[in-house]
Amino acid sequence: MPKSREQKKEILRNLEEKIKKSKSIVFTSFGNLKVSESEDLRKRLKKEGGECYIPKKTLLQIALSNVGFDIKAREFEGRVAIIFGYNDQVAHVKAVDEFRKEQEDKIGFIGGILDNQFISAEKVSGLAKIPNRQELYAKLVGSLNAPTFGFVNVLSGNIRNLVFVLKAIEENKVK
């Protein structure tokens, strides 16, 4: 059943609000996803602070132009889903990429918006390979801790060698 003009205006306002609120956006094409598979994707995205929304292309085109993006959404092939990332710029992209690999490419990247600029599907795929924020923090802490750990190892090495020498002297005296 067709939507009324008021319903379309509400969808448009909702879509514009989501676009403004998100840190990054990914446009995906999806074909033969079952309901259970799409619900699985939605759960994964929610866990990562993201959301999946499937609007009509014309409403998407209008919402993007109202927010200030010159993206030709009507020219996207197939059905289009928008993946919004609210907490992190990369986490939701990784979730979609993992889902895409598990579902034998039933969903694909069309492009995205990062730092208020349109990026290609290849760049979105590249984003999926970037470590997430927690992994980067762990690497940073490890890098900061490495010199201290090395220094402690060097200092304990001398004490360890002294213990070995004393143990050898003791064993020689016992014989």
C-alpha atoms as a PDB file:
ATOM      1  CA  MET A   1       0.000   0.000   0.000  1.00  0.00           C
ATOM      2  CA  PRO A   2       1.455   3.407  -0.940  1.00  0.00           C
ATOM      3  CA  LYS A   3       2.526   5.691   1.845  1.00  0.00           C
ATOM      4  CA  SER A   4       0.777   8.994   2.416  1.00  0.00           C
ATOM      5  CA  ARG A   5       2.560  12.318   2.004  1.00  0.00           C
ATOM      6  CA  GLU A   6       2.731  12.737   5.793  1.00  0.00           C
ATOM      7  CA  GLN A   7       4.249   9.285   6.250  1.00  0.00           C
ATOM      8  CA  LYS A   8       6.883  10.099   3.635  1.00  0.00           C
ATOM      9  CA  LYS A   9       7.687  13.399   5.351  1.00  0.00           C
ATOM     10  CA  GLU A  10       8.132  11.576   8.662  1.00  0.00           C
ATOM     11  CA  ILE A  11      10.410   8.984   7.040  1.00  0.00           C
ATOM     12  CA  LEU A  12      12.397  11.798   5.437  1.00  0.00           C
ATOM     13  CA  ARG A  13      12.800  13.649   8.766  1.00  0.00           C
ATOM     14  CA  ASN A  14      13.836  10.413  10.470  1.00  0.00           C
ATOM     15  CA  LEU A  15      16.350   9.616   7.725  1.00  0.00           C
ATOM     16  CA  GLU A  16      17.853  13.120   7.806  1.00  0.00           C
ATOM     17  CA  GLU A  17      18.226  12.898  11.589  1.00  0.00           C
ATOM     18  CA  LYS A  18      20.022   9.541  11.316  1.00  0.00           C
ATOM     19  CA  ILE A  19      22.373  10.910   8.644  1.00  0.00           C
ATOM     20  CA  LYS A  20      23.265  13.927  10.786  1.00  0.00           C
ATOM     21  CA  LYS A  21      23.756  11.833  13.927  1.00  0.00           C
ATOM     22  CA  SER A  22      25.991   9.136  12.420  1.00  0.00           C
ATOM     23  CA  LYS A  23      29.798   9.253  12.390  1.00  0.00           C
ATOM     24  CA  SER A  24      29.993   7.282   9.152  1.00  0.00           C
ATOM     25  CA  ILE A  25      27.524   5.738   6.727  1.00  0.00           C
ATOM     26  CA  VAL A  26      27.810   2.705   4.456  1.00  0.00           C
ATOM     27  CA  PHE A  27      25.571   2.044   1.464  1.00  0.00           C
ATOM     28  CA  THR A  28      25.087  -1.650   0.701  1.00  0.00           C
ATOM     29  CA  SER A  29      23.261  -3.600  -1.937  1.00  0.00           C
ATOM     30  CA  PHE A  30      21.525  -6.747  -0.835  1.00  0.00           C
ATOM     31  CA  GLY A  31      19.707  -9.317  -2.802  1.00  0.00           C
ATOM     32  CA  ASN A  32      18.481 -12.616  -1.518  1.00  0.00           C
ATOM     33  CA  LEU A  33      18.766 -12.102   2.220  1.00  0.00           C
ATOM     34  CA  LYS A  34      16.302 -14.105   4.258  1.00  0.00           C
ATOM     35  CA  VAL A  35      14.500 -12.432   7.127  1.00  0.00           C
ATOM     36  CA  SER A  36      16.531 -14.412   9.672  1.00  0.00           C
ATOM     37  CA  GLU A  37      19.776 -13.298   7.996  1.00  0.00           C
ATOM     38  CA  SER A  38      18.778  -9.641   7.957  1.00  0.00           C
ATOM     39  CA  GLU A  39      17.787  -9.881  11.631  1.00  0.00           C
ATOM     40  CA  ASP A  40      21.205 -11.391  12.381  1.00  0.00           C
ATOM     41  CA  LEU A  41      22.844  -8.437  10.625  1.00  0.00           C
ATOM     42  CA  ARG A  42      20.707  -5.966  12.581  1.00  0.00           C
ATOM     43  CA  LYS A  43      21.689  -7.629  15.880  1.00  0.00           C
ATOM     44  CA  ARG A  44      25.379  -7.458  14.994  1.00  0.00           C
ATOM     45  CA  LEU A  45      25.081  -3.811  14.039  1.00  0.00           C
ATOM     46  CA  LYS A  46      23.214  -2.938  17.220  1.00  0.00           C
ATOM     47  CA  LYS A  47      25.986  -4.592  19.238  1.00  0.00           C
ATOM     48  CA  GLU A  48      28.558  -2.382  17.442  1.00  0.00           C
ATOM     49  CA  GLY A  49      26.532   0.812  17.844  1.00  0.00           C
ATOM     50  CA  GLY A  50      25.142   0.769  14.331  1.00  0.00           C
ATOM     51  CA  GLU A  51      21.813   0.510  12.606  1.00  0.00           C
ATOM     52  CA  CYS A  52      20.484  -0.782   9.300  1.00  0.00           C
ATOM     53  CA  TYR A  53      17.779   1.168   7.464  1.00  0.00           C
ATOM     54  CA  ILE A  54      16.184   0.350   4.109  1.00  0.00           C
ATOM     55  CA  PRO A  55      14.487   3.377   2.529  1.00  0.00           C
ATOM     56  CA  LYS A  56      13.225   3.996  -0.971  1.00  0.00           C
ATOM     57  CA  LYS A  57      15.978   5.382  -3.212  1.00  0.00           C
ATOM     58  CA  THR A  58      14.042   8.549  -3.974  1.00  0.00           C
ATOM     59  CA  LEU A  59      13.606   9.349  -0.276  1.00  0.00           C
ATOM     60  CA  LEU A  60      17.289   8.591   0.289  1.00  0.00           C
ATOM     61  CA  GLN A  61      18.231  10.931  -2.555  1.00  0.00           C
ATOM     62  CA  ILE A  62      16.092  13.740  -1.112  1.00  0.00           C
ATOM     63  CA  ALA A  63      17.378  13.209   2.444  1.00  0.00           C
ATOM     64  CA  LEU A  64      21.019  13.237   1.307  1.00  0.00           C
ATOM     65  CA  SER A  65      20.541  16.437  -0.692  1.00  0.00           C
ATOM     66  CA  ASN A  66      18.683  18.091   2.216  1.00  0.00           C
ATOM     67  CA  VAL A  67      21.605  17.316   4.519  1.00  0.00           C
ATOM     68  CA  GLY A  68      24.115  18.638   1.968  1.00  0.00           C
ATOM     69  CA  PHE A  69      25.468  15.600   0.134  1.00  0.00           C
ATOM     70  CA  ASP A  70      25.566  15.459  -3.655  1.00  0.00           C
ATOM     71  CA  ILE A  71      25.223  11.688  -3.984  1.00  0.00           C
ATOM     72  CA  LYS A  72      23.157  10.121  -6.757  1.00  0.00           C
ATOM     73  CA  ALA A  73      21.396   7.460  -4.673  1.00  0.00           C
ATOM     74  CA  ARG A  74      18.871   6.774  -7.426  1.00  0.00           C
ATOM     75  CA  GLU A  75      21.698   5.414  -9.575  1.00  0.00           C
ATOM     76  CA  PHE A  76      22.653   2.737  -7.062  1.00  0.00           C
ATOM     77  CA  GLU A  77      21.885  -0.718  -8.461  1.00  0.00           C
ATOM     78  CA  GLY A  78      19.438  -3.039  -6.738  1.00  0.00           C
ATOM     79  CA  ARG A  79      17.911  -2.646  -3.326  1.00  0.00           C
ATOM     80  CA  VAL A  80      19.904  -0.351  -1.045  1.00  0.00           C
ATOM     81  CA  ALA A  81      20.396  -0.583   2.700  1.00  0.00           C
ATOM     82  CA  ILE A  82      22.042   2.182   4.694  1.00  0.00           C
ATOM     83  CA  ILE A  83      24.245   1.205   7.607  1.00  0.00           C
ATOM     84  CA  PHE A  84      24.672   3.998  10.146  1.00  0.00           C
ATOM     85  CA  GLY A  85      27.562   3.997  12.617  1.00  0.00           C
ATOM     86  CA  TYR A  86      26.872   6.076  15.694  1.00  0.00           C
ATOM     87  CA  ASN A  87      29.704   5.156  18.096  1.00  0.00           C
ATOM     88  CA  ASP A  88      32.679   4.331  15.912  1.00  0.00           C
ATOM     89  CA  GLN A  89      33.584   5.044  12.306  1.00  0.00           C
ATOM     90  CA  VAL A  90      34.818   1.526  11.585  1.00  0.00           C
ATOM     91  CA  ALA A  91      33.091  -1.011  13.884  1.00  0.00           C
ATOM     92  CA  HIS A  92      29.858  -1.249  11.890  1.00  0.00           C
ATOM     93  CA  VAL A  93      31.816  -1.617   8.634  1.00  0.00           C
ATOM     94  CA  LYS A  94      33.706  -4.574  10.132  1.00  0.00           C
ATOM     95  CA  ALA A  95      30.406  -6.150  11.240  1.00  0.00           C
ATOM     96  CA  VAL A  96      28.949  -5.855   7.728  1.00  0.00           C
ATOM     97  CA  ASP A  97      32.155  -7.216   6.174  1.00  0.00           C
ATOM     98  CA  GLU A  98      32.154 -10.264   8.486  1.00  0.00           C
ATOM     99  CA  PHE A  99      28.479 -10.835   7.736  1.00  0.00           C
ATOM    100  CA  ARG A 100      29.155 -10.474   3.992  1.00  0.00           C
ATOM    101  CA  LYS A 101      31.869 -13.141   4.126  1.00  0.00           C
ATOM    102  CA  GLU A 102      29.634 -15.538   6.071  1.00  0.00           C
ATOM    103  CA  GLN A 103      26.665 -15.072   3.739  1.00  0.00           C
ATOM    104  CA  GLU A 104      28.666 -15.756   0.572  1.00  0.00           C
ATOM    105  CA  ASP A 105      28.465 -12.200  -0.715  1.00  0.00           C
ATOM    106  CA  LYS A 106      24.679 -11.790  -0.574  1.00  0.00           C
ATOM    107  CA  ILE A 107      25.385  -8.226   0.489  1.00  0.00           C
ATOM    108  CA  GLY A 108      27.917  -5.875  -1.074  1.00  0.00           C
ATOM    109  CA  PHE A 109      29.357  -2.425  -0.535  1.00  0.00           C
ATOM    110  CA  ILE A 110      28.240   0.390  -2.837  1.00  0.00           C
ATOM    111  CA  GLY A 111      30.039   3.232  -1.088  1.00  0.00           C
ATOM    112  CA  GLY A 112      29.848   5.306   2.020  1.00  0.00           C
ATOM    113  CA  ILE A 113      30.229   8.640   3.738  1.00  0.00           C
ATOM    114  CA  LEU A 114      33.233   9.288   5.959  1.00  0.00           C
ATOM    115  CA  ASP A 115      34.219  12.739   7.243  1.00  0.00           C
ATOM    116  CA  ASN A 116      31.392  14.278   5.175  1.00  0.00           C
ATOM    117  CA  GLN A 117      32.782  12.915   1.897  1.00  0.00           C
ATOM    118  CA  PHE A 118      31.580  10.105  -0.336  1.00  0.00           C
ATOM    119  CA  ILE A 119      33.981   7.160  -0.480  1.00  0.00           C
ATOM    120  CA  SER A 120      34.018   4.297  -2.973  1.00  0.00           C
ATOM    121  CA  ALA A 121      33.203   0.652  -2.296  1.00  0.00           C
ATOM    122  CA  GLU A 122      36.927  -0.192  -2.391  1.00  0.00           C
ATOM    123  CA  LYS A 123      37.666   2.342   0.338  1.00  0.00           C
ATOM    124  CA  VAL A 124      34.804   0.986   2.440  1.00  0.00           C
ATOM    125  CA  SER A 125      36.299  -2.509   2.081  1.00  0.00           C
ATOM    126  CA  GLY A 126      39.639  -1.021   3.156  1.00  0.00           C
ATOM    127  CA  LEU A 127      37.987   0.444   6.251  1.00  0.00           C
ATOM    128  CA  ALA A 128      36.872  -3.048   7.225  1.00  0.00           C
ATOM    129  CA  LYS A 129      40.518  -4.115   7.449  1.00  0.00           C
ATOM    130  CA  ILE A 130      41.484  -1.317   9.849  1.00  0.00           C
ATOM    131  CA  PRO A 131      41.687  -2.420  13.489  1.00  0.00           C
ATOM    132  CA  ASN A 132      38.894  -1.100  15.663  1.00  0.00           C
ATOM    133  CA  ARG A 133      39.425   1.424  18.437  1.00  0.00           C
ATOM    134  CA  GLN A 134      39.927  -1.170  21.194  1.00  0.00           C
ATOM    135  CA  GLU A 135      42.563  -3.030  19.168  1.00  0.00           C
ATOM    136  CA  LEU A 136      44.393   0.222  18.461  1.00  0.00           C
ATOM    137  CA  TYR A 137      44.351   1.108  22.167  1.00  0.00           C
ATOM    138  CA  ALA A 138      45.739  -2.328  23.014  1.00  0.00           C
ATOM    139  CA  LYS A 139      48.551  -1.899  20.479  1.00  0.00           C
ATOM    140  CA  LEU A 140      49.336   1.555  21.849  1.00  0.00           C
ATOM    141  CA  VAL A 141      49.487   0.295  25.434  1.00  0.00           C
ATOM    142  CA  GLY A 142      51.683  -2.614  24.315  1.00  0.00           C
ATOM    143  CA  SER A 143      54.032  -0.226  22.510  1.00  0.00           C
ATOM    144  CA  LEU A 144      54.244   2.056  25.525  1.00  0.00           C
ATOM    145  CA  ASN A 145      54.813  -0.896  27.855  1.00  0.00           C
ATOM    146  CA  ALA A 146      57.493  -2.620  25.707  1.00  0.00           C
ATOM    147  CA  PRO A 147      60.499  -0.470  26.776  1.00  0.00           C
ATOM    148  CA  THR A 148      59.604  -0.837  30.451  1.00  0.00           C
ATOM    149  CA  PHE A 149      59.165  -4.585  30.077  1.00  0.00           C
ATOM    150  CA  GLY A 150      62.507  -4.860  28.256  1.00  0.00           C
ATOM    151  CA  PHE A 151      64.279  -2.839  30.943  1.00  0.00           C
ATOM    152  CA  VAL A 152      62.845  -5.033  33.702  1.00  0.00           C
ATOM    153  CA  ASN A 153      63.937  -8.141  31.761  1.00  0.00           C
ATOM    154  CA  VAL A 154      67.507  -6.820  31.466  1.00  0.00           C
ATOM    155  CA  LEU A 155      67.684  -6.019  35.176  1.00  0.00           C
ATOM    156  CA  SER A 156      66.242  -9.374  36.200  1.00  0.00           C
ATOM    157  CA  GLY A 157      68.694 -11.125  33.832  1.00  0.00           C
ATOM    158  CA  ASN A 158      71.671  -9.969  35.907  1.00  0.00           C
ATOM    159  CA  ILE A 159      70.080 -11.179  39.129  1.00  0.00           C
ATOM    160  CA  ARG A 160      69.153 -14.478  37.451  1.00  0.00           C
ATOM    161  CA  ASN A 161      72.758 -14.967  36.272  1.00  0.00           C
ATOM    162  CA  LEU A 162      74.040 -14.210  39.776  1.00  0.00           C
ATOM    163  CA  VAL A 163      71.721 -16.882  41.186  1.00  0.00           C
ATOM    164  CA  PHE A 164      72.967 -19.411  38.595  1.00  0.00           C
ATOM    165  CA  VAL A 165      76.618 -18.641  39.484  1.00  0.00           C
ATOM    166  CA  LEU A 166      75.931 -18.991  43.209  1.00  0.00           C
ATOM    167  CA  LYS A 167      74.062 -22.251  42.591  1.00  0.00           C
ATOM    168  CA  ALA A 168      77.025 -23.605  40.577  1.00  0.00           C
ATOM    169  CA  ILE A 169      79.478 -22.608  43.342  1.00  0.00           C
ATOM    170  CA  GLU A 170      77.283 -24.357  45.906  1.00  0.00           C
ATOM    171  CA  GLU A 171      77.138 -27.532  43.819  1.00  0.00           C
ATOM    172  CA  ASN A 172      80.952 -27.535  43.421  1.00  0.00           C
ATOM    173  CA  LYS A 173      81.445 -27.188  47.185  1.00  0.00           C
ATOM    174  CA  VAL A 174      79.035 -30.021  47.919  1.00  0.00           C
ATOM    175  CA  LYS A 175      80.994 -32.440  45.710  1.00  0.00           C
END
